[in-house]
Amino acid sequence: MPLYKTIHVNSTTQIMVWKVTESYAELLEQVVLNDSNRIRLDGMKSEMHQRAFLSVRKLLQETGHTDLDLYYDEFGKPHLNGEKHISITHSHEFSAIIISDETVGIDIELQREKIIRIADKFCDSEFQFLSRSFGTEKKEEYIRKLTVIWGAKEAIFKIRNEKGISFKDHIKVNAFDLEVKQTIAELHFDSLVKDFKVHFEEIDPSDSEQAKQNFTLVYAFEN
């Protein structure tokens, strides 16, 4: 499938989303891989992960880059040759990249009821503004908000990429309204204190193969 969506965040930041409908063979035929990433691809046991990996390279090509411009540091964080910052994400049939002059992180997640069971593992102060007593409608809102919180913390972790950072203990997401689609988050880790601008949006379930389940796209900028 062609490019699913492009988001022009500002004059120096662009997000591109790909919906993976191609086969592994089709994607492999359409992209260029450097030697180390070809080895990574061959080592993946899941074809879904392989297709996601290749779709990210399709997105790179849409921006005028190729896999030859991409490299990973010792902590696994992706970088582009030159001055641009990049972050990468994928979930099920969607993959996305963000490229910016600013330091950025991105995450995409399928909204699932399972997140309620694990909320205690990544939320702490956030429970002050989350309602855990709900009917069906409120339950859906709870899942949507938890998915934003998880995505925000994942995006921030990708920015800092430091060993020992705990989603629950070190990253705090401030209260937010789902309709406003933005919030602030804080990282307190060792002697480091950082603020982040967080933005999010949802992908309509009619566009998803996961029946009636939205995806949440979250991206963060380090202040």
C-alpha atoms as a PDB file:
ATOM      1  CA  MET A   1       0.000   0.000   0.000  1.00  0.00           C
ATOM      2  CA  PRO A   2       1.205   3.537  -0.602  1.00  0.00           C
ATOM      3  CA  LEU A   3       2.006   5.910   2.214  1.00  0.00           C
ATOM      4  CA  TYR A   4      -0.948   5.887   4.643  1.00  0.00           C
ATOM      5  CA  LYS A   5      -0.585   9.309   6.244  1.00  0.00           C
ATOM      6  CA  THR A   6       1.770  12.289   6.468  1.00  0.00           C
ATOM      7  CA  ILE A   7       1.655  14.736   9.367  1.00  0.00           C
ATOM      8  CA  HIS A   8       3.489  18.032   8.993  1.00  0.00           C
ATOM      9  CA  VAL A   9       3.962  18.872  12.674  1.00  0.00           C
ATOM     10  CA  ASN A  10       5.883  22.078  11.977  1.00  0.00           C
ATOM     11  CA  SER A  11       8.318  23.448   9.416  1.00  0.00           C
ATOM     12  CA  THR A  12      11.128  21.136  10.578  1.00  0.00           C
ATOM     13  CA  THR A  13       9.212  18.039  11.742  1.00  0.00           C
ATOM     14  CA  GLN A  14       7.413  15.426   9.669  1.00  0.00           C
ATOM     15  CA  ILE A  15       5.669  12.174  10.602  1.00  0.00           C
ATOM     16  CA  MET A  16       4.972   9.462   8.047  1.00  0.00           C
ATOM     17  CA  VAL A  17       2.763   6.430   8.659  1.00  0.00           C
ATOM     18  CA  TRP A  18       2.708   3.267   6.568  1.00  0.00           C
ATOM     19  CA  LYS A  19      -0.017   0.617   6.595  1.00  0.00           C
ATOM     20  CA  VAL A  20       1.700  -2.680   5.919  1.00  0.00           C
ATOM     21  CA  THR A  21      -0.336  -4.652   3.393  1.00  0.00           C
ATOM     22  CA  GLU A  22       2.554  -5.864   1.228  1.00  0.00           C
ATOM     23  CA  SER A  23       4.091  -9.316   1.516  1.00  0.00           C
ATOM     24  CA  TYR A  24       7.606  -9.785   2.827  1.00  0.00           C
ATOM     25  CA  ALA A  25       8.844 -10.526  -0.712  1.00  0.00           C
ATOM     26  CA  GLU A  26       7.220  -7.402  -2.156  1.00  0.00           C
ATOM     27  CA  LEU A  27       8.758  -5.141   0.463  1.00  0.00           C
ATOM     28  CA  LEU A  28      12.182  -6.747   0.243  1.00  0.00           C
ATOM     29  CA  GLU A  29      12.221  -6.160  -3.503  1.00  0.00           C
ATOM     30  CA  GLN A  30      11.498  -2.451  -3.052  1.00  0.00           C
ATOM     31  CA  VAL A  31      14.089  -1.423  -0.456  1.00  0.00           C
ATOM     32  CA  VAL A  32      17.856  -1.138  -0.125  1.00  0.00           C
ATOM     33  CA  LEU A  33      19.454  -2.505   3.054  1.00  0.00           C
ATOM     34  CA  ASN A  34      22.927  -2.028   4.444  1.00  0.00           C
ATOM     35  CA  ASP A  35      24.837  -5.163   5.419  1.00  0.00           C
ATOM     36  CA  SER A  36      24.241  -4.955   9.187  1.00  0.00           C
ATOM     37  CA  ASN A  37      20.507  -4.391   8.791  1.00  0.00           C
ATOM     38  CA  ARG A  38      20.252  -7.265   6.322  1.00  0.00           C
ATOM     39  CA  ILE A  39      21.739  -9.477   9.042  1.00  0.00           C
ATOM     40  CA  ARG A  40      19.218  -8.068  11.554  1.00  0.00           C
ATOM     41  CA  LEU A  41      16.363  -8.773   9.155  1.00  0.00           C
ATOM     42  CA  ASP A  42      17.482 -12.355   8.525  1.00  0.00           C
ATOM     43  CA  GLY A  43      17.680 -12.935  12.284  1.00  0.00           C
ATOM     44  CA  MET A  44      14.035 -11.972  12.905  1.00  0.00           C
ATOM     45  CA  LYS A  45      11.809 -14.985  13.579  1.00  0.00           C
ATOM     46  CA  SER A  46       8.485 -13.228  12.980  1.00  0.00           C
ATOM     47  CA  GLU A  47       7.463 -12.307   9.444  1.00  0.00           C
ATOM     48  CA  MET A  48       5.290  -9.537  10.895  1.00  0.00           C
ATOM     49  CA  HIS A  49       8.399  -7.971  12.438  1.00  0.00           C
ATOM     50  CA  GLN A  50      10.299  -8.413   9.186  1.00  0.00           C
ATOM     51  CA  ARG A  51       7.539  -6.662   7.233  1.00  0.00           C
ATOM     52  CA  ALA A  52       7.421  -3.840   9.793  1.00  0.00           C
ATOM     53  CA  PHE A  53      11.210  -3.485   9.576  1.00  0.00           C
ATOM     54  CA  LEU A  54      11.056  -3.241   5.794  1.00  0.00           C
ATOM     55  CA  SER A  55       8.101  -0.834   5.816  1.00  0.00           C
ATOM     56  CA  VAL A  56      10.183   1.581   7.893  1.00  0.00           C
ATOM     57  CA  ARG A  57      12.732   1.531   5.061  1.00  0.00           C
ATOM     58  CA  LYS A  58       9.898   2.349   2.659  1.00  0.00           C
ATOM     59  CA  LEU A  59       9.086   5.361   4.817  1.00  0.00           C
ATOM     60  CA  LEU A  60      12.737   6.432   4.762  1.00  0.00           C
ATOM     61  CA  GLN A  61      12.662   6.318   0.981  1.00  0.00           C
ATOM     62  CA  GLU A  62       9.553   8.512   0.988  1.00  0.00           C
ATOM     63  CA  THR A  63      11.618  11.175   2.788  1.00  0.00           C
ATOM     64  CA  GLY A  64      14.490  10.968   0.338  1.00  0.00           C
ATOM     65  CA  HIS A  65      16.655   8.815   2.620  1.00  0.00           C
ATOM     66  CA  THR A  66      17.563   5.140   2.447  1.00  0.00           C
ATOM     67  CA  ASP A  67      18.663   2.489   4.899  1.00  0.00           C
ATOM     68  CA  LEU A  68      22.229   3.472   4.033  1.00  0.00           C
ATOM     69  CA  ASP A  69      21.618   6.799   5.837  1.00  0.00           C
ATOM     70  CA  LEU A  70      20.409   5.033   8.998  1.00  0.00           C
ATOM     71  CA  TYR A  71      22.566   3.662  11.791  1.00  0.00           C
ATOM     72  CA  TYR A  72      22.060   2.515  15.381  1.00  0.00           C
ATOM     73  CA  ASP A  73      24.184   3.437  18.376  1.00  0.00           C
ATOM     74  CA  GLU A  74      25.395   1.005  21.054  1.00  0.00           C
ATOM     75  CA  PHE A  75      22.071   1.351  22.907  1.00  0.00           C
ATOM     76  CA  GLY A  76      19.991   0.539  19.822  1.00  0.00           C
ATOM     77  CA  LYS A  77      18.827   4.106  19.202  1.00  0.00           C
ATOM     78  CA  PRO A  78      18.435   4.979  15.494  1.00  0.00           C
ATOM     79  CA  HIS A  79      20.224   7.960  13.961  1.00  0.00           C
ATOM     80  CA  LEU A  80      20.353   9.547  10.528  1.00  0.00           C
ATOM     81  CA  ASN A  81      23.571  10.716   8.938  1.00  0.00           C
ATOM     82  CA  GLY A  82      23.533  14.504   9.096  1.00  0.00           C
ATOM     83  CA  GLU A  83      21.780  16.805  11.551  1.00  0.00           C
ATOM     84  CA  LYS A  84      18.224  15.405  11.492  1.00  0.00           C
ATOM     85  CA  HIS A  85      16.809  13.399  14.404  1.00  0.00           C
ATOM     86  CA  ILE A  86      14.737  10.265  13.792  1.00  0.00           C
ATOM     87  CA  SER A  87      12.529   7.962  15.840  1.00  0.00           C
ATOM     88  CA  ILE A  88      10.845   4.756  14.661  1.00  0.00           C
ATOM     89  CA  THR A  89       7.825   2.731  15.776  1.00  0.00           C
ATOM     90  CA  HIS A  90       5.545  -0.067  14.600  1.00  0.00           C
ATOM     91  CA  SER A  91       2.556  -2.003  15.900  1.00  0.00           C
ATOM     92  CA  HIS A  92       0.679  -4.718  14.017  1.00  0.00           C
ATOM     93  CA  GLU A  93      -0.046  -3.375  10.514  1.00  0.00           C
ATOM     94  CA  PHE A  94       1.157   0.183  11.107  1.00  0.00           C
ATOM     95  CA  SER A  95       4.661   1.619  11.171  1.00  0.00           C
ATOM     96  CA  ALA A  96       5.728   5.246  11.527  1.00  0.00           C
ATOM     97  CA  ILE A  97       8.777   7.475  11.609  1.00  0.00           C
ATOM     98  CA  ILE A  98       9.304  11.039  12.780  1.00  0.00           C
ATOM     99  CA  ILE A  99      12.135  13.142  11.372  1.00  0.00           C
ATOM    100  CA  SER A 100      12.939  16.521  12.876  1.00  0.00           C
ATOM    101  CA  ASP A 101      15.534  19.163  13.569  1.00  0.00           C
ATOM    102  CA  GLU A 102      14.504  18.729  17.220  1.00  0.00           C
ATOM    103  CA  THR A 103      15.087  15.807  19.584  1.00  0.00           C
ATOM    104  CA  VAL A 104      11.990  13.606  19.194  1.00  0.00           C
ATOM    105  CA  GLY A 105      10.495  10.239  20.056  1.00  0.00           C
ATOM    106  CA  ILE A 106       7.476   8.415  18.616  1.00  0.00           C
ATOM    107  CA  ASP A 107       5.316   5.427  19.510  1.00  0.00           C
ATOM    108  CA  ILE A 108       2.231   3.771  18.039  1.00  0.00           C
ATOM    109  CA  GLU A 109       0.097   1.350  20.049  1.00  0.00           C
ATOM    110  CA  LEU A 110      -3.017  -0.735  19.503  1.00  0.00           C
ATOM    111  CA  GLN A 111      -5.649   0.139  22.083  1.00  0.00           C
ATOM    112  CA  ARG A 112      -6.318  -3.075  24.010  1.00  0.00           C
ATOM    113  CA  GLU A 113      -8.167  -3.988  27.187  1.00  0.00           C
ATOM    114  CA  LYS A 114      -5.040  -5.811  28.336  1.00  0.00           C
ATOM    115  CA  ILE A 115      -3.481  -2.453  29.227  1.00  0.00           C
ATOM    116  CA  ILE A 116      -5.833  -2.173  32.234  1.00  0.00           C
ATOM    117  CA  ARG A 117      -4.222  -5.241  33.813  1.00  0.00           C
ATOM    118  CA  ILE A 118      -0.707  -3.839  33.508  1.00  0.00           C
ATOM    119  CA  ALA A 119      -1.453  -0.183  34.339  1.00  0.00           C
ATOM    120  CA  ASP A 120       0.091  -0.513  37.816  1.00  0.00           C
ATOM    121  CA  LYS A 121       3.403  -1.403  36.185  1.00  0.00           C
ATOM    122  CA  PHE A 122       3.804   1.918  34.360  1.00  0.00           C
ATOM    123  CA  CYS A 123       1.452   4.407  36.082  1.00  0.00           C
ATOM    124  CA  ASP A 124       1.785   6.057  39.480  1.00  0.00           C
ATOM    125  CA  SER A 125       0.956   9.771  39.789  1.00  0.00           C
ATOM    126  CA  GLU A 126      -1.307   9.440  36.735  1.00  0.00           C
ATOM    127  CA  PHE A 127      -3.897   7.579  38.821  1.00  0.00           C
ATOM    128  CA  GLN A 128      -4.693  10.932  40.445  1.00  0.00           C
ATOM    129  CA  PHE A 129      -6.498  12.011  37.267  1.00  0.00           C
ATOM    130  CA  LEU A 130      -7.577   8.611  35.936  1.00  0.00           C
ATOM    131  CA  SER A 131     -10.962   7.242  36.968  1.00  0.00           C
ATOM    132  CA  ARG A 132     -10.745   3.506  37.731  1.00  0.00           C
ATOM    133  CA  SER A 133     -14.468   3.208  38.404  1.00  0.00           C
ATOM    134  CA  PHE A 134     -16.381   3.041  35.148  1.00  0.00           C
ATOM    135  CA  GLY A 135     -19.116   1.634  32.964  1.00  0.00           C
ATOM    136  CA  THR A 136     -18.578   0.548  29.363  1.00  0.00           C
ATOM    137  CA  GLU A 137     -18.154   4.092  28.007  1.00  0.00           C
ATOM    138  CA  LYS A 138     -15.773   5.154  30.772  1.00  0.00           C
ATOM    139  CA  LYS A 139     -13.822   1.918  30.366  1.00  0.00           C
ATOM    140  CA  GLU A 140     -13.145   2.778  26.735  1.00  0.00           C
ATOM    141  CA  GLU A 141     -11.935   6.243  27.770  1.00  0.00           C
ATOM    142  CA  TYR A 142      -9.720   4.669  30.445  1.00  0.00           C
ATOM    143  CA  ILE A 143      -8.099   2.385  27.868  1.00  0.00           C
ATOM    144  CA  ARG A 144      -7.569   5.313  25.494  1.00  0.00           C
ATOM    145  CA  LYS A 145      -5.924   7.411  28.216  1.00  0.00           C
ATOM    146  CA  LEU A 146      -3.735   4.555  29.421  1.00  0.00           C
ATOM    147  CA  THR A 147      -2.583   4.013  25.840  1.00  0.00           C
ATOM    148  CA  VAL A 148      -1.624   7.690  25.548  1.00  0.00           C
ATOM    149  CA  ILE A 149       0.305   7.481  28.827  1.00  0.00           C
ATOM    150  CA  TRP A 150       2.160   4.347  27.764  1.00  0.00           C
ATOM    151  CA  GLY A 151       2.934   5.850  24.350  1.00  0.00           C
ATOM    152  CA  ALA A 152       4.189   9.086  25.915  1.00  0.00           C
ATOM    153  CA  LYS A 153       6.524   7.222  28.247  1.00  0.00           C
ATOM    154  CA  GLU A 154       7.750   5.011  25.434  1.00  0.00           C
ATOM    155  CA  ALA A 155       8.447   8.063  23.232  1.00  0.00           C
ATOM    156  CA  ILE A 156      10.316   9.804  26.063  1.00  0.00           C
ATOM    157  CA  PHE A 157      12.344   6.696  26.791  1.00  0.00           C
ATOM    158  CA  LYS A 158      13.324   6.556  23.116  1.00  0.00           C
ATOM    159  CA  ILE A 159      14.543  10.147  23.350  1.00  0.00           C
ATOM    160  CA  ARG A 160      16.684   9.628  26.462  1.00  0.00           C
ATOM    161  CA  ASN A 161      17.457   5.922  25.929  1.00  0.00           C
ATOM    162  CA  GLU A 162      19.245   5.582  29.280  1.00  0.00           C
ATOM    163  CA  LYS A 163      19.556   2.325  31.169  1.00  0.00           C
ATOM    164  CA  GLY A 164      17.646   2.295  34.437  1.00  0.00           C
ATOM    165  CA  ILE A 165      14.793   4.636  33.505  1.00  0.00           C
ATOM    166  CA  SER A 166      11.515   3.329  34.943  1.00  0.00           C
ATOM    167  CA  PHE A 167       8.238   4.269  33.240  1.00  0.00           C
ATOM    168  CA  LYS A 168       6.457   4.153  36.609  1.00  0.00           C
ATOM    169  CA  ASP A 169       9.051   5.759  38.865  1.00  0.00           C
ATOM    170  CA  HIS A 170      10.800   8.289  36.641  1.00  0.00           C
ATOM    171  CA  ILE A 171       8.344   9.531  33.982  1.00  0.00           C
ATOM    172  CA  LYS A 172       5.229  11.498  34.982  1.00  0.00           C
ATOM    173  CA  VAL A 173       2.515  12.413  32.476  1.00  0.00           C
ATOM    174  CA  ASN A 174       0.376  15.394  33.455  1.00  0.00           C
ATOM    175  CA  ALA A 175      -3.427  15.383  33.285  1.00  0.00           C
ATOM    176  CA  PHE A 176      -4.840  15.760  29.778  1.00  0.00           C
ATOM    177  CA  ASP A 177      -8.048  15.865  27.758  1.00  0.00           C
ATOM    178  CA  LEU A 178      -8.388  13.357  24.919  1.00  0.00           C
ATOM    179  CA  GLU A 179      -9.936  16.032  22.736  1.00  0.00           C
ATOM    180  CA  VAL A 180      -7.041  18.472  23.216  1.00  0.00           C
ATOM    181  CA  LYS A 181      -4.514  15.849  22.044  1.00  0.00           C
ATOM    182  CA  GLN A 182      -1.508  17.204  23.904  1.00  0.00           C
ATOM    183  CA  THR A 183       0.026  17.315  27.360  1.00  0.00           C
ATOM    184  CA  ILE A 184       3.284  17.757  29.253  1.00  0.00           C
ATOM    185  CA  ALA A 185       5.421  15.031  30.770  1.00  0.00           C
ATOM    186  CA  GLU A 186       8.372  15.145  33.140  1.00  0.00           C
ATOM    187  CA  LEU A 187      11.403  12.916  33.523  1.00  0.00           C
ATOM    188  CA  HIS A 188      13.123  12.779  36.925  1.00  0.00           C
ATOM    189  CA  PHE A 189      16.068  10.416  36.727  1.00  0.00           C
ATOM    190  CA  ASP A 190      19.128  10.625  38.989  1.00  0.00           C
ATOM    191  CA  SER A 191      20.014  14.341  38.925  1.00  0.00           C
ATOM    192  CA  LEU A 192      18.328  14.893  35.564  1.00  0.00           C
ATOM    193  CA  VAL A 193      15.016  16.779  35.318  1.00  0.00           C
ATOM    194  CA  LYS A 194      13.517  17.265  31.852  1.00  0.00           C
ATOM    195  CA  ASP A 195      10.156  18.433  30.484  1.00  0.00           C
ATOM    196  CA  PHE A 196       8.614  17.104  27.288  1.00  0.00           C
ATOM    197  CA  LYS A 197       5.809  18.304  25.036  1.00  0.00           C
ATOM    198  CA  VAL A 198       3.593  15.337  24.184  1.00  0.00           C
ATOM    199  CA  HIS A 199       1.144  15.163  21.267  1.00  0.00           C
ATOM    200  CA  PHE A 200      -1.137  12.300  20.292  1.00  0.00           C
ATOM    201  CA  GLU A 201      -3.834  11.279  17.844  1.00  0.00           C
ATOM    202  CA  GLU A 202      -5.866   8.179  17.068  1.00  0.00           C
ATOM    203  CA  ILE A 203      -6.157   6.121  13.913  1.00  0.00           C
ATOM    204  CA  ASP A 204      -9.768   5.293  13.090  1.00  0.00           C
ATOM    205  CA  PRO A 205     -10.798   1.650  13.599  1.00  0.00           C
ATOM    206  CA  SER A 206     -12.290   1.470  10.126  1.00  0.00           C
ATOM    207  CA  ASP A 207      -8.716   1.720   8.825  1.00  0.00           C
ATOM    208  CA  SER A 208      -7.515  -1.152  10.973  1.00  0.00           C
ATOM    209  CA  GLU A 209      -7.564  -4.894  10.487  1.00  0.00           C
ATOM    210  CA  GLN A 210      -7.859  -5.184  14.275  1.00  0.00           C
ATOM    211  CA  ALA A 211     -11.677  -5.205  14.528  1.00  0.00           C
ATOM    212  CA  LYS A 212     -13.057  -2.011  16.024  1.00  0.00           C
ATOM    213  CA  GLN A 213      -9.821  -1.177  17.822  1.00  0.00           C
ATOM    214  CA  ASN A 214      -8.066   2.145  17.431  1.00  0.00           C
ATOM    215  CA  PHE A 215      -4.361   2.768  17.334  1.00  0.00           C
ATOM    216  CA  THR A 216      -2.852   5.673  19.249  1.00  0.00           C
ATOM    217  CA  LEU A 217       0.090   7.595  17.792  1.00  0.00           C
ATOM    218  CA  VAL A 218       2.123   9.565  20.343  1.00  0.00           C
ATOM    219  CA  TYR A 219       5.129  11.779  19.764  1.00  0.00           C
ATOM    220  CA  ALA A 220       7.208  13.859  22.157  1.00  0.00           C
ATOM    221  CA  PHE A 221       9.681  16.728  21.975  1.00  0.00           C
ATOM    222  CA  GLU A 222      12.300  17.406  24.630  1.00  0.00           C
ATOM    223  CA  ASN A 223      12.028  20.989  25.931  1.00  0.00           C
END
